[in-house]
């Protein structure tokens, strides 16, 4: 319904339409919204960590890429900090072994 209203009022932002309909708070409190937001944050974190690792230690092998894909958001945050001290792929492999 919000999507239809956004097209109907093309000059208004999504937030303005939600406010007009009185659903801005209820939408953000839905489980669907929270899960979608968390998935987006995870994807951005994973993408950033991968780019930083590629810049810091070079292209990653498929095994390392797969292992990073299995990390949860807290582990990704830890890896983002740890990678600052990495000097080689071996440092990454050691970290991954310790955190799986």
PDB file of N, CA and C in Angstrom:
ATOM      1  N   UNK A   1       0.818  -1.185   0.000  1.00  0.00           N
ATOM      2  CA  UNK A   1       0.000   0.000   0.000  1.00  0.00           C
ATOM      3  C   UNK A   1       0.868   1.257   0.000  1.00  0.00           C
ATOM      4  N   UNK A   2       1.931   1.219   0.805  1.00  0.00           N
ATOM      5  CA  UNK A   2       2.830   2.375   0.850  1.00  0.00           C
ATOM      6  C   UNK A   2       3.429   2.633  -0.524  1.00  0.00           C
ATOM      7  N   UNK A   3       3.793   1.561  -1.235  1.00  0.00           N
ATOM      8  CA  UNK A   3       4.366   1.711  -2.571  1.00  0.00           C
ATOM      9  C   UNK A   3       3.383   2.385  -3.516  1.00  0.00           C
ATOM     10  N   UNK A   4       2.130   1.987  -3.462  1.00  0.00           N
ATOM     11  CA  UNK A   4       1.098   2.608  -4.308  1.00  0.00           C
ATOM     12  C   UNK A   4       0.976   4.086  -3.982  1.00  0.00           C
ATOM     13  N   UNK A   5       0.973   4.401  -2.698  1.00  0.00           N
ATOM     14  CA  UNK A   5       0.850   5.801  -2.280  1.00  0.00           C
ATOM     15  C   UNK A   5       2.061   6.620  -2.720  1.00  0.00           C
ATOM     16  N   UNK A   6       3.244   6.008  -2.690  1.00  0.00           N
ATOM     17  CA  UNK A   6       4.443   6.728  -3.119  1.00  0.00           C
ATOM     18  C   UNK A   6       4.324   7.102  -4.589  1.00  0.00           C
ATOM     19  N   UNK A   7       3.826   6.173  -5.417  1.00  0.00           N
ATOM     20  CA  UNK A   7       3.641   6.483  -6.831  1.00  0.00           C
ATOM     21  C   UNK A   7       2.537   7.515  -7.036  1.00  0.00           C
ATOM     22  N   UNK A   8       1.529   7.474  -6.219  1.00  0.00           N
ATOM     23  CA  UNK A   8       0.424   8.424  -6.318  1.00  0.00           C
ATOM     24  C   UNK A   8       0.881   9.833  -5.952  1.00  0.00           C
ATOM     25  N   UNK A   9       1.732   9.926  -4.961  1.00  0.00           N
ATOM     26  CA  UNK A   9       2.271  11.206  -4.508  1.00  0.00           C
ATOM     27  C   UNK A   9       3.770  11.240  -4.806  1.00  0.00           C
ATOM     28  N   UNK A  10       4.096  11.294  -6.074  1.00  0.00           N
ATOM     29  CA  UNK A  10       5.485  11.157  -6.507  1.00  0.00           C
ATOM     30  C   UNK A  10       6.409  12.262  -6.006  1.00  0.00           C
ATOM     31  N   UNK A  11       5.850  13.365  -5.557  1.00  0.00           N
ATOM     32  CA  UNK A  11       6.707  14.442  -5.052  1.00  0.00           C
ATOM     33  C   UNK A  11       7.051  14.257  -3.577  1.00  0.00           C
ATOM     34  N   UNK A  12       6.399  13.292  -2.912  1.00  0.00           N
ATOM     35  CA  UNK A  12       6.659  13.045  -1.495  1.00  0.00           C
ATOM     36  C   UNK A  12       7.650  11.896  -1.327  1.00  0.00           C
ATOM     37  N   UNK A  13       8.436  11.957  -0.271  1.00  0.00           N
ATOM     38  CA  UNK A  13       9.346  10.856   0.035  1.00  0.00           C
ATOM     39  C   UNK A  13       8.567   9.711   0.679  1.00  0.00           C
ATOM     40  N   UNK A  14       9.201   8.553   0.746  1.00  0.00           N
ATOM     41  CA  UNK A  14       8.576   7.404   1.399  1.00  0.00           C
ATOM     42  C   UNK A  14       8.234   7.746   2.842  1.00  0.00           C
ATOM     43  N   UNK A  15       9.146   8.430   3.529  1.00  0.00           N
ATOM     44  CA  UNK A  15       8.915   8.804   4.924  1.00  0.00           C
ATOM     45  C   UNK A  15       7.713   9.740   5.060  1.00  0.00           C
ATOM     46  N   UNK A  16       7.558  10.665   4.117  1.00  0.00           N
ATOM     47  CA  UNK A  16       6.421  11.592   4.169  1.00  0.00           C
ATOM     48  C   UNK A  16       5.098  10.861   3.958  1.00  0.00           C
ATOM     49  N   UNK A  17       5.081   9.906   3.030  1.00  0.00           N
ATOM     50  CA  UNK A  17       3.860   9.126   2.793  1.00  0.00           C
ATOM     51  C   UNK A  17       3.532   8.283   4.021  1.00  0.00           C
ATOM     52  N   UNK A  18       4.556   7.651   4.612  1.00  0.00           N
ATOM     53  CA  UNK A  18       4.326   6.850   5.813  1.00  0.00           C
ATOM     54  C   UNK A  18       3.782   7.712   6.946  1.00  0.00           C
ATOM     55  N   UNK A  19       4.326   8.899   7.092  1.00  0.00           N
ATOM     56  CA  UNK A  19       3.854   9.800   8.150  1.00  0.00           C
ATOM     57  C   UNK A  19       2.407  10.211   7.890  1.00  0.00           C
ATOM     58  N   UNK A  20       2.106  10.509   6.633  1.00  0.00           N
ATOM     59  CA  UNK A  20       0.755  10.907   6.266  1.00  0.00           C
ATOM     60  C   UNK A  20      -0.247   9.785   6.579  1.00  0.00           C
ATOM     61  N   UNK A  21       0.168   8.538   6.358  1.00  0.00           N
ATOM     62  CA  UNK A  21      -0.705   7.395   6.623  1.00  0.00           C
ATOM     63  C   UNK A  21      -0.664   6.962   8.089  1.00  0.00           C
ATOM     64  N   UNK A  22       0.244   7.558   8.841  1.00  0.00           N
ATOM     65  CA  UNK A  22       0.353   7.214  10.256  1.00  0.00           C
ATOM     66  C   UNK A  22       0.960   5.854  10.516  1.00  0.00           C
ATOM     67  N   UNK A  23       1.853   5.402   9.620  1.00  0.00           N
ATOM     68  CA  UNK A  23       2.433   4.066   9.789  1.00  0.00           C
ATOM     69  C   UNK A  23       3.945   4.083   9.942  1.00  0.00           C
ATOM     70  N   UNK A  24       4.541   5.253  10.065  1.00  0.00           N
ATOM     71  CA  UNK A  24       6.000   5.297  10.082  1.00  0.00           C
ATOM     72  C   UNK A  24       6.608   4.505  11.233  1.00  0.00           C
ATOM     73  N   UNK A  25       6.040   4.591  12.410  1.00  0.00           N
ATOM     74  CA  UNK A  25       6.593   3.852  13.537  1.00  0.00           C
ATOM     75  C   UNK A  25       6.241   2.376  13.469  1.00  0.00           C
ATOM     76  N   UNK A  26       5.027   2.067  13.087  1.00  0.00           N
ATOM     77  CA  UNK A  26       4.607   0.669  13.071  1.00  0.00           C
ATOM     78  C   UNK A  26       5.366  -0.131  12.020  1.00  0.00           C
ATOM     79  N   UNK A  27       5.689   0.471  10.897  1.00  0.00           N
ATOM     80  CA  UNK A  27       6.439  -0.226   9.858  1.00  0.00           C
ATOM     81  C   UNK A  27       7.841  -0.569  10.341  1.00  0.00           C
ATOM     82  N   UNK A  28       8.498   0.387  10.970  1.00  0.00           N
ATOM     83  CA  UNK A  28       9.864   0.157  11.434  1.00  0.00           C
ATOM     84  C   UNK A  28       9.929  -0.837  12.584  1.00  0.00           C
ATOM     85  N   UNK A  29       8.847  -1.072  13.248  1.00  0.00           N
ATOM     86  CA  UNK A  29       8.830  -2.015  14.358  1.00  0.00           C
ATOM     87  C   UNK A  29       8.436  -3.426  13.942  1.00  0.00           C
ATOM     88  N   UNK A  30       8.181  -3.637  12.660  1.00  0.00           N
ATOM     89  CA  UNK A  30       7.799  -4.975  12.219  1.00  0.00           C
ATOM     90  C   UNK A  30       9.023  -5.882  12.159  1.00  0.00           C
ATOM     91  N   UNK A  31       8.784  -7.145  12.350  1.00  0.00           N
ATOM     92  CA  UNK A  31       9.863  -8.135  12.286  1.00  0.00           C
ATOM     93  C   UNK A  31      10.496  -8.131  10.895  1.00  0.00           C
ATOM     94  N   UNK A  32       9.665  -8.046   9.873  1.00  0.00           N
ATOM     95  CA  UNK A  32      10.164  -8.024   8.498  1.00  0.00           C
ATOM     96  C   UNK A  32      11.137  -6.872   8.292  1.00  0.00           C
ATOM     97  N   UNK A  33      10.760  -5.675   8.728  1.00  0.00           N
ATOM     98  CA  UNK A  33      11.607  -4.492   8.570  1.00  0.00           C
ATOM     99  C   UNK A  33      12.930  -4.683   9.306  1.00  0.00           C
ATOM    100  N   UNK A  34      12.863  -5.161  10.539  1.00  0.00           N
ATOM    101  CA  UNK A  34      14.071  -5.343  11.345  1.00  0.00           C
ATOM    102  C   UNK A  34      15.000  -6.382  10.716  1.00  0.00           C
ATOM    103  N   UNK A  35      14.434  -7.477  10.204  1.00  0.00           N
ATOM    104  CA  UNK A  35      15.254  -8.505   9.567  1.00  0.00           C
ATOM    105  C   UNK A  35      15.877  -7.988   8.275  1.00  0.00           C
ATOM    106  N   UNK A  36      15.105  -7.265   7.486  1.00  0.00           N
ATOM    107  CA  UNK A  36      15.631  -6.705   6.239  1.00  0.00           C
ATOM    108  C   UNK A  36      16.745  -5.704   6.531  1.00  0.00           C
ATOM    109  N   UNK A  37      16.560  -4.898   7.546  1.00  0.00           N
ATOM    110  CA  UNK A  37      17.584  -3.922   7.932  1.00  0.00           C
ATOM    111  C   UNK A  37      18.857  -4.634   8.383  1.00  0.00           C
ATOM    112  N   UNK A  38      18.720  -5.672   9.190  1.00  0.00           N
ATOM    113  CA  UNK A  38      19.875  -6.428   9.677  1.00  0.00           C
ATOM    114  C   UNK A  38      20.614  -7.105   8.523  1.00  0.00           C
ATOM    115  N   UNK A  39      19.859  -7.652   7.573  1.00  0.00           N
ATOM    116  CA  UNK A  39      20.486  -8.288   6.415  1.00  0.00           C
ATOM    117  C   UNK A  39      21.262  -7.269   5.591  1.00  0.00           C
ATOM    118  N   UNK A  40      20.704  -6.086   5.428  1.00  0.00           N
ATOM    119  CA  UNK A  40      21.396  -5.032   4.693  1.00  0.00           C
ATOM    120  C   UNK A  40      22.668  -4.588   5.389  1.00  0.00           C
ATOM    121  N   UNK A  41      22.609  -4.448   6.701  1.00  0.00           N
ATOM    122  CA  UNK A  41      23.791  -4.066   7.472  1.00  0.00           C
ATOM    123  C   UNK A  41      24.863  -5.148   7.379  1.00  0.00           C
ATOM    124  N   UNK A  42      24.449  -6.409   7.448  1.00  0.00           N
ATOM    125  CA  UNK A  42      25.393  -7.514   7.340  1.00  0.00           C
ATOM    126  C   UNK A  42      26.071  -7.507   5.965  1.00  0.00           C
ATOM    127  N   UNK A  43      25.281  -7.355   4.921  1.00  0.00           N
ATOM    128  CA  UNK A  43      25.831  -7.357   3.561  1.00  0.00           C
ATOM    129  C   UNK A  43      26.825  -6.216   3.373  1.00  0.00           C
ATOM    130  N   UNK A  44      26.505  -5.035   3.890  1.00  0.00           N
ATOM    131  CA  UNK A  44      27.430  -3.904   3.788  1.00  0.00           C
ATOM    132  C   UNK A  44      28.711  -4.164   4.571  1.00  0.00           C
ATOM    133  N   UNK A  45      28.588  -4.730   5.761  1.00  0.00           N
ATOM    134  CA  UNK A  45      29.767  -5.034   6.576  1.00  0.00           C
ATOM    135  C   UNK A  45      30.647  -6.065   5.878  1.00  0.00           C
ATOM    136  N   UNK A  46      30.019  -7.095   5.356  1.00  0.00           N
ATOM    137  CA  UNK A  46      30.774  -8.140   4.676  1.00  0.00           C
ATOM    138  C   UNK A  46      31.482  -7.581   3.441  1.00  0.00           C
ATOM    139  N   UNK A  47      30.795  -6.768   2.679  1.00  0.00           N
ATOM    140  CA  UNK A  47      31.387  -6.172   1.488  1.00  0.00           C
ATOM    141  C   UNK A  47      32.579  -5.288   1.851  1.00  0.00           C
ATOM    142  N   UNK A  48      32.430  -4.492   2.892  1.00  0.00           N
ATOM    143  CA  UNK A  48      33.517  -3.612   3.315  1.00  0.00           C
ATOM    144  C   UNK A  48      34.722  -4.417   3.787  1.00  0.00           C
ATOM    145  N   UNK A  49      34.498  -5.438   4.595  1.00  0.00           N
ATOM    146  CA  UNK A  49      35.599  -6.267   5.086  1.00  0.00           C
ATOM    147  C   UNK A  49      36.313  -6.942   3.914  1.00  0.00           C
ATOM    148  N   UNK A  50      35.565  -7.444   2.958  1.00  0.00           N
ATOM    149  CA  UNK A  50      36.183  -8.090   1.793  1.00  0.00           C
ATOM    150  C   UNK A  50      37.038  -7.101   1.001  1.00  0.00           C
ATOM    151  N   UNK A  51      36.521  -5.905   0.793  1.00  0.00           N
ATOM    152  CA  UNK A  51      37.293  -4.892   0.056  1.00  0.00           C
ATOM    153  C   UNK A  51      38.558  -4.506   0.812  1.00  0.00           C
ATOM    154  N   UNK A  52      38.452  -4.340   2.117  1.00  0.00           N
ATOM    155  CA  UNK A  52      39.623  -3.988   2.922  1.00  0.00           C
ATOM    156  C   UNK A  52      40.663  -5.105   2.901  1.00  0.00           C
ATOM    157  N   UNK A  53      40.204  -6.341   3.008  1.00  0.00           N
ATOM    158  CA  UNK A  53      41.138  -7.469   2.957  1.00  0.00           C
ATOM    159  C   UNK A  53      41.825  -7.555   1.603  1.00  0.00           C
ATOM    160  N   UNK A  54      41.076  -7.386   0.528  1.00  0.00           N
ATOM    161  CA  UNK A  54      41.679  -7.420  -0.809  1.00  0.00           C
ATOM    162  C   UNK A  54      42.717  -6.322  -0.971  1.00  0.00           C
ATOM    163  N   UNK A  55      42.451  -5.170  -0.414  1.00  0.00           N
ATOM    164  CA  UNK A  55      43.398  -4.050  -0.492  1.00  0.00           C
ATOM    165  C   UNK A  55      44.630  -4.318   0.376  1.00  0.00           C
ATOM    166  N   UNK A  56      44.411  -4.879   1.559  1.00  0.00           N
ATOM    167  CA  UNK A  56      45.493  -5.077   2.532  1.00  0.00           C
ATOM    168  C   UNK A  56      46.396  -6.252   2.182  1.00  0.00           C
ATOM    169  N   UNK A  57      45.799  -7.409   1.802  1.00  0.00           N
ATOM    170  CA  UNK A  57      46.619  -8.610   1.599  1.00  0.00           C
ATOM    171  C   UNK A  57      46.469  -9.243   0.217  1.00  0.00           C
ATOM    172  N   UNK A  58      45.737  -8.607  -0.666  1.00  0.00           N
ATOM    173  CA  UNK A  58      45.578  -9.128  -2.021  1.00  0.00           C
ATOM    174  C   UNK A  58      44.330  -9.978  -2.171  1.00  0.00           C
ATOM    175  N   UNK A  59      44.146 -10.497  -3.375  1.00  0.00           N
ATOM    176  CA  UNK A  59      42.956 -11.302  -3.669  1.00  0.00           C
ATOM    177  C   UNK A  59      42.883 -12.519  -2.758  1.00  0.00           C
ATOM    178  N   UNK A  60      41.692 -12.782  -2.269  1.00  0.00           N
ATOM    179  CA  UNK A  60      41.489 -13.899  -1.355  1.00  0.00           C
ATOM    180  C   UNK A  60      41.164 -15.168  -2.123  1.00  0.00           C
ATOM    181  N   UNK A  61      41.601 -16.290  -1.575  1.00  0.00           N
ATOM    182  CA  UNK A  61      41.270 -17.565  -2.205  1.00  0.00           C
ATOM    183  C   UNK A  61      39.819 -17.923  -1.878  1.00  0.00           C
ATOM    184  N   UNK A  62      39.232 -18.816  -2.664  1.00  0.00           N
ATOM    185  CA  UNK A  62      37.818 -19.175  -2.450  1.00  0.00           C
ATOM    186  C   UNK A  62      37.527 -19.718  -1.050  1.00  0.00           C
ATOM    187  N   UNK A  63      38.476 -20.448  -0.467  1.00  0.00           N
ATOM    188  CA  UNK A  63      38.263 -21.008   0.868  1.00  0.00           C
ATOM    189  C   UNK A  63      38.130 -19.888   1.903  1.00  0.00           C
ATOM    190  N   UNK A  64      38.978 -18.886   1.829  1.00  0.00           N
ATOM    191  CA  UNK A  64      38.904 -17.755   2.766  1.00  0.00           C
ATOM    192  C   UNK A  64      37.615 -16.969   2.544  1.00  0.00           C
ATOM    193  N   UNK A  65      37.258 -16.760   1.287  1.00  0.00           N
ATOM    194  CA  UNK A  65      36.026 -16.034   0.968  1.00  0.00           C
ATOM    195  C   UNK A  65      34.813 -16.761   1.539  1.00  0.00           C
ATOM    196  N   UNK A  66      34.796 -18.076   1.394  1.00  0.00           N
ATOM    197  CA  UNK A  66      33.683 -18.867   1.932  1.00  0.00           C
ATOM    198  C   UNK A  66      33.644 -18.791   3.459  1.00  0.00           C
ATOM    199  N   UNK A  67      34.804 -18.872   4.092  1.00  0.00           N
ATOM    200  CA  UNK A  67      34.861 -18.810   5.558  1.00  0.00           C
ATOM    201  C   UNK A  67      34.365 -17.458   6.064  1.00  0.00           C
ATOM    202  N   UNK A  68      34.725 -16.401   5.384  1.00  0.00           N
ATOM    203  CA  UNK A  68      34.263 -15.065   5.776  1.00  0.00           C
ATOM    204  C   UNK A  68      32.748 -14.973   5.612  1.00  0.00           C
ATOM    205  N   UNK A  69      32.221 -15.606   4.584  1.00  0.00           N
ATOM    206  CA  UNK A  69      30.782 -15.617   4.359  1.00  0.00           C
ATOM    207  C   UNK A  69      30.002 -16.325   5.455  1.00  0.00           C
ATOM    208  N   UNK A  70      30.675 -17.153   6.244  1.00  0.00           N
ATOM    209  CA  UNK A  70      30.024 -17.889   7.332  1.00  0.00           C
ATOM    210  C   UNK A  70      30.057 -17.138   8.663  1.00  0.00           C
ATOM    211  N   UNK A  71      30.780 -16.026   8.718  1.00  0.00           N
ATOM    212  CA  UNK A  71      30.899 -15.277   9.971  1.00  0.00           C
ATOM    213  C   UNK A  71      29.615 -14.525  10.286  1.00  0.00           C
ATOM    214  N   UNK A  72      29.315 -14.387  11.568  1.00  0.00           N
ATOM    215  CA  UNK A  72      28.169 -13.563  11.955  1.00  0.00           C
ATOM    216  C   UNK A  72      28.607 -12.098  12.037  1.00  0.00           C
ATOM    217  N   UNK A  73      27.679 -11.207  12.284  1.00  0.00           N
ATOM    218  CA  UNK A  73      27.969  -9.772  12.254  1.00  0.00           C
ATOM    219  C   UNK A  73      29.010  -9.376  13.296  1.00  0.00           C
ATOM    220  N   UNK A  74      28.977  -9.983  14.471  1.00  0.00           N
ATOM    221  CA  UNK A  74      29.962  -9.660  15.507  1.00  0.00           C
ATOM    222  C   UNK A  74      31.357 -10.117  15.106  1.00  0.00           C
ATOM    223  N   UNK A  75      31.445 -11.291  14.493  1.00  0.00           N
ATOM    224  CA  UNK A  75      32.734 -11.780  14.014  1.00  0.00           C
ATOM    225  C   UNK A  75      33.261 -10.900  12.886  1.00  0.00           C
ATOM    226  N   UNK A  76      32.372 -10.431  12.017  1.00  0.00           N
ATOM    227  CA  UNK A  76      32.799  -9.516  10.951  1.00  0.00           C
ATOM    228  C   UNK A  76      33.376  -8.234  11.539  1.00  0.00           C
ATOM    229  N   UNK A  77      32.738  -7.709  12.570  1.00  0.00           N
ATOM    230  CA  UNK A  77      33.258  -6.513  13.237  1.00  0.00           C
ATOM    231  C   UNK A  77      34.639  -6.780  13.829  1.00  0.00           C
ATOM    232  N   UNK A  78      34.798  -7.938  14.463  1.00  0.00           N
ATOM    233  CA  UNK A  78      36.098  -8.303  15.027  1.00  0.00           C
ATOM    234  C   UNK A  78      37.154  -8.432  13.933  1.00  0.00           C
ATOM    235  N   UNK A  79      36.771  -9.038  12.818  1.00  0.00           N
ATOM    236  CA  UNK A  79      37.698  -9.191  11.699  1.00  0.00           C
ATOM    237  C   UNK A  79      38.088  -7.837  11.124  1.00  0.00           C
ATOM    238  N   UNK A  80      37.153  -6.921  11.062  1.00  0.00           N
ATOM    239  CA  UNK A  80      37.446  -5.580  10.536  1.00  0.00           C
ATOM    240  C   UNK A  80      38.538  -4.896  11.349  1.00  0.00           C
ATOM    241  N   UNK A  81      38.522  -5.089  12.655  1.00  0.00           N
ATOM    242  CA  UNK A  81      39.564  -4.518  13.511  1.00  0.00           C
ATOM    243  C   UNK A  81      40.867  -5.298  13.360  1.00  0.00           C
ATOM    244  N   UNK A  82      40.773  -6.624  13.373  1.00  0.00           N
ATOM    245  CA  UNK A  82      41.964  -7.470  13.307  1.00  0.00           C
ATOM    246  C   UNK A  82      42.729  -7.290  12.001  1.00  0.00           C
ATOM    247  N   UNK A  83      42.020  -7.089  10.903  1.00  0.00           N
ATOM    248  CA  UNK A  83      42.696  -7.018   9.604  1.00  0.00           C
ATOM    249  C   UNK A  83      43.660  -5.839   9.502  1.00  0.00           C
ATOM    250  N   UNK A  84      43.505  -4.869  10.367  1.00  0.00           N
ATOM    251  CA  UNK A  84      44.421  -3.727  10.347  1.00  0.00           C
ATOM    252  C   UNK A  84      45.856  -4.145  10.635  1.00  0.00           C
ATOM    253  N   UNK A  85      46.024  -5.255  11.342  1.00  0.00           N
ATOM    254  CA  UNK A  85      47.377  -5.719  11.665  1.00  0.00           C
ATOM    255  C   UNK A  85      47.838  -6.873  10.775  1.00  0.00           C
ATOM    256  N   UNK A  86      47.012  -7.311   9.845  1.00  0.00           N
ATOM    257  CA  UNK A  86      47.393  -8.409   8.956  1.00  0.00           C
ATOM    258  C   UNK A  86      48.482  -7.955   7.990  1.00  0.00           C
ATOM    259  N   UNK A  87      49.412  -8.872   7.742  1.00  0.00           N
ATOM    260  CA  UNK A  87      50.456  -8.601   6.756  1.00  0.00           C
ATOM    261  C   UNK A  87      50.407  -9.571   5.588  1.00  0.00           C
ATOM    262  N   UNK A  88      49.694 -10.685   5.762  1.00  0.00           N
ATOM    263  CA  UNK A  88      49.630 -11.685   4.698  1.00  0.00           C
ATOM    264  C   UNK A  88      48.355 -12.510   4.828  1.00  0.00           C
ATOM    265  N   UNK A  89      48.124 -13.336   3.828  1.00  0.00           N
ATOM    266  CA  UNK A  89      46.968 -14.227   3.839  1.00  0.00           C
ATOM    267  C   UNK A  89      47.061 -15.215   5.000  1.00  0.00           C
ATOM    268  N   UNK A  90      48.281 -15.540   5.412  1.00  0.00           N
ATOM    269  CA  UNK A  90      48.456 -16.451   6.541  1.00  0.00           C
ATOM    270  C   UNK A  90      47.861 -15.863   7.822  1.00  0.00           C
ATOM    271  N   UNK A  91      48.002 -14.557   7.999  1.00  0.00           N
ATOM    272  CA  UNK A  91      47.403 -13.903   9.167  1.00  0.00           C
ATOM    273  C   UNK A  91      45.880 -14.065   9.147  1.00  0.00           C
ATOM    274  N   UNK A  92      45.291 -13.900   7.984  1.00  0.00           N
ATOM    275  CA  UNK A  92      43.843 -14.082   7.851  1.00  0.00           C
ATOM    276  C   UNK A  92      43.457 -15.525   8.135  1.00  0.00           C
ATOM    277  N   UNK A  93      44.188 -16.472   7.550  1.00  0.00           N
ATOM    278  CA  UNK A  93      43.877 -17.888   7.762  1.00  0.00           C
ATOM    279  C   UNK A  93      43.964 -18.262   9.239  1.00  0.00           C
ATOM    280  N   UNK A  94      44.973 -17.750   9.922  1.00  0.00           N
ATOM    281  CA  UNK A  94      45.113 -18.008  11.359  1.00  0.00           C
ATOM    282  C   UNK A  94      43.925 -17.440  12.119  1.00  0.00           C
ATOM    283  N   UNK A  95      43.548 -16.224  11.796  1.00  0.00           N
ATOM    284  CA  UNK A  95      42.405 -15.588  12.470  1.00  0.00           C
ATOM    285  C   UNK A  95      41.131 -16.393  12.232  1.00  0.00           C
ATOM    286  N   UNK A  96      40.919 -16.809  11.000  1.00  0.00           N
ATOM    287  CA  UNK A  96      39.710 -17.570  10.675  1.00  0.00           C
ATOM    288  C   UNK A  96      39.664 -18.896  11.437  1.00  0.00           C
ATOM    289  N   UNK A  97      40.807 -19.571  11.547  1.00  0.00           N
ATOM    290  CA  UNK A  97      40.845 -20.838  12.289  1.00  0.00           C
ATOM    291  C   UNK A  97      40.500 -20.618  13.758  1.00  0.00           C
ATOM    292  N   UNK A  98      40.938 -19.511  14.306  1.00  0.00           N
ATOM    293  CA  UNK A  98      40.688 -19.224  15.720  1.00  0.00           C
ATOM    294  C   UNK A  98      39.247 -18.794  15.988  1.00  0.00           C
ATOM    295  N   UNK A  99      38.528 -18.369  14.961  1.00  0.00           N
ATOM    296  CA  UNK A  99      37.188 -17.803  15.164  1.00  0.00           C
ATOM    297  C   UNK A  99      36.067 -18.603  14.502  1.00  0.00           C
ATOM    298  N   UNK A 100      36.338 -19.863  14.218  1.00  0.00           N
ATOM    299  CA  UNK A 100      35.279 -20.701  13.644  1.00  0.00           C
ATOM    300  C   UNK A 100      34.810 -21.738  14.615  1.00  0.00           C
TER     301      UNK A 100
END
